[in-house]
């Protein structure tokens, strides 16, 4: 749902002004939002999670991690956190190792 909305969002409003993303409500409105909020609560308590350099999205039950990560054990732990939630159908971790990212700079 998230990715579909991203690719199919209109570029312009009817008045010609650029479209702006609506602010996310504080209350979860879909299953994906509920999963994301539950996962974020668990992740924020984990000492290896850094919400300043990584983010998580849920699209049709698939958890998508983006940003930077530390050790490879962080990847396995994040996967286990996601798969422990009922309703998660899969996990895609697209985070780049922090060392690899620093080498690109």
Protein backbone atom coordinates (compact mmCIF):
# COMPACT_ATOMS: atom_id res chain seq x y z
CA UNK A 1 0.00 0.00 0.00
CA UNK A 2 2.71 2.47 0.96
CA UNK A 3 4.81 1.84 -2.13
CA UNK A 4 1.76 1.78 -4.39
CA UNK A 5 0.62 5.14 -3.00
CA UNK A 6 4.12 6.55 -3.43
CA UNK A 7 4.31 5.64 -7.11
CA UNK A 8 0.72 6.53 -7.97
CA UNK A 9 0.45 9.81 -6.05
CA UNK A 10 -0.56 12.76 -8.20
CA UNK A 11 2.26 15.22 -8.80
CA UNK A 12 0.04 18.30 -8.89
CA UNK A 13 -3.21 19.35 -7.31
CA UNK A 14 -6.02 20.56 -9.50
CA UNK A 15 -5.15 24.18 -8.65
CA UNK A 16 -1.60 23.67 -9.92
CA UNK A 17 0.10 23.79 -6.53
CA UNK A 18 2.46 20.94 -5.63
CA UNK A 19 0.82 18.13 -3.74
CA UNK A 20 1.86 17.84 -0.11
CA UNK A 21 1.82 14.64 1.86
CA UNK A 22 -0.89 14.64 4.48
CA UNK A 23 0.38 14.50 8.04
CA UNK A 24 0.17 11.01 9.49
CA UNK A 25 -2.48 10.71 12.17
CA UNK A 26 -1.34 9.93 15.70
CA UNK A 27 -3.70 6.95 15.76
CA UNK A 28 -2.99 4.01 13.46
CA UNK A 29 -5.59 3.75 10.72
CA UNK A 30 -4.57 0.58 8.89
CA UNK A 31 -3.07 -2.80 9.66
CA UNK A 32 0.27 -1.64 8.24
CA UNK A 33 0.24 1.41 10.52
CA UNK A 34 -0.55 -0.76 13.55
CA UNK A 35 2.32 -3.12 12.68
CA UNK A 36 4.74 -0.23 12.15
CA UNK A 37 3.88 1.44 15.45
CA UNK A 38 4.17 -1.85 17.37
CA UNK A 39 7.52 -2.57 15.74
CA UNK A 40 8.84 0.94 16.39
CA UNK A 41 7.96 0.62 20.08
CA UNK A 42 10.02 -2.57 20.30
CA UNK A 43 12.88 -1.17 18.23
CA UNK A 44 13.19 2.03 20.29
CA UNK A 45 13.81 -0.13 23.38
CA UNK A 46 16.59 -2.07 21.66
CA UNK A 47 20.12 -0.75 22.38
CA UNK A 48 21.33 -1.51 18.82
CA UNK A 49 18.53 0.43 17.05
CA UNK A 50 19.32 4.01 16.00
CA UNK A 51 16.18 5.77 14.80
CA UNK A 52 18.25 8.77 13.71
CA UNK A 53 19.90 6.82 10.90
CA UNK A 54 17.34 4.13 10.13
CA UNK A 55 13.61 3.89 9.56
CA UNK A 56 11.03 1.19 9.10
CA UNK A 57 7.97 1.01 6.86
CA UNK A 58 5.30 -1.64 6.44
CA UNK A 59 3.67 -2.29 3.06
CA UNK A 60 0.97 -4.95 2.84
CA UNK A 61 2.46 -6.81 5.81
CA UNK A 62 6.04 -6.64 4.54
CA UNK A 63 8.45 -4.80 6.86
CA UNK A 64 10.97 -2.61 5.04
CA UNK A 65 14.05 -1.32 6.87
CA UNK A 66 15.98 1.58 5.31
CA UNK A 67 18.99 3.62 6.36
CA UNK A 68 22.16 2.54 8.13
CA UNK A 69 22.90 -0.39 10.42
CA UNK A 70 25.78 -1.43 12.64
CA UNK A 71 26.84 -5.06 12.92
CA UNK A 72 25.39 -7.90 10.87
CA UNK A 73 23.82 -9.17 14.09
CA UNK A 74 21.65 -6.01 14.02
CA UNK A 75 20.15 -7.22 10.76
CA UNK A 76 19.26 -10.61 12.24
CA UNK A 77 17.81 -9.03 15.38
CA UNK A 78 15.68 -6.58 13.38
CA UNK A 79 14.37 -9.47 11.28
CA UNK A 80 13.42 -11.43 14.40
CA UNK A 81 11.69 -8.40 15.93
CA UNK A 82 9.57 -8.00 12.80
CA UNK A 83 8.73 -11.67 12.32
CA UNK A 84 7.62 -11.93 15.97
CA UNK A 85 4.66 -9.65 15.22
CA UNK A 86 1.45 -11.36 14.07
CA UNK A 87 0.51 -10.15 10.60
CA UNK A 88 4.04 -9.65 9.26
CA UNK A 89 4.38 -11.55 5.97
CA UNK A 90 8.03 -10.83 5.26
CA UNK A 91 11.04 -8.60 5.92
CA UNK A 92 13.21 -6.66 3.50
CA UNK A 93 16.26 -5.06 5.11
CA UNK A 94 17.73 -2.50 2.73
CA UNK A 95 19.92 -0.84 5.36
CA UNK A 96 23.55 -0.26 4.42
CA UNK A 97 26.31 -1.16 6.88
CA UNK A 98 27.60 2.03 8.51
CA UNK A 99 31.24 1.19 7.60
CA UNK A 100 30.32 0.70 3.95
CA UNK A 101 28.48 4.01 3.88
CA UNK A 102 31.40 5.85 5.51
CA UNK A 103 33.77 4.39 2.91
CA UNK A 104 31.60 5.88 0.14
CA UNK A 105 31.93 9.38 1.58
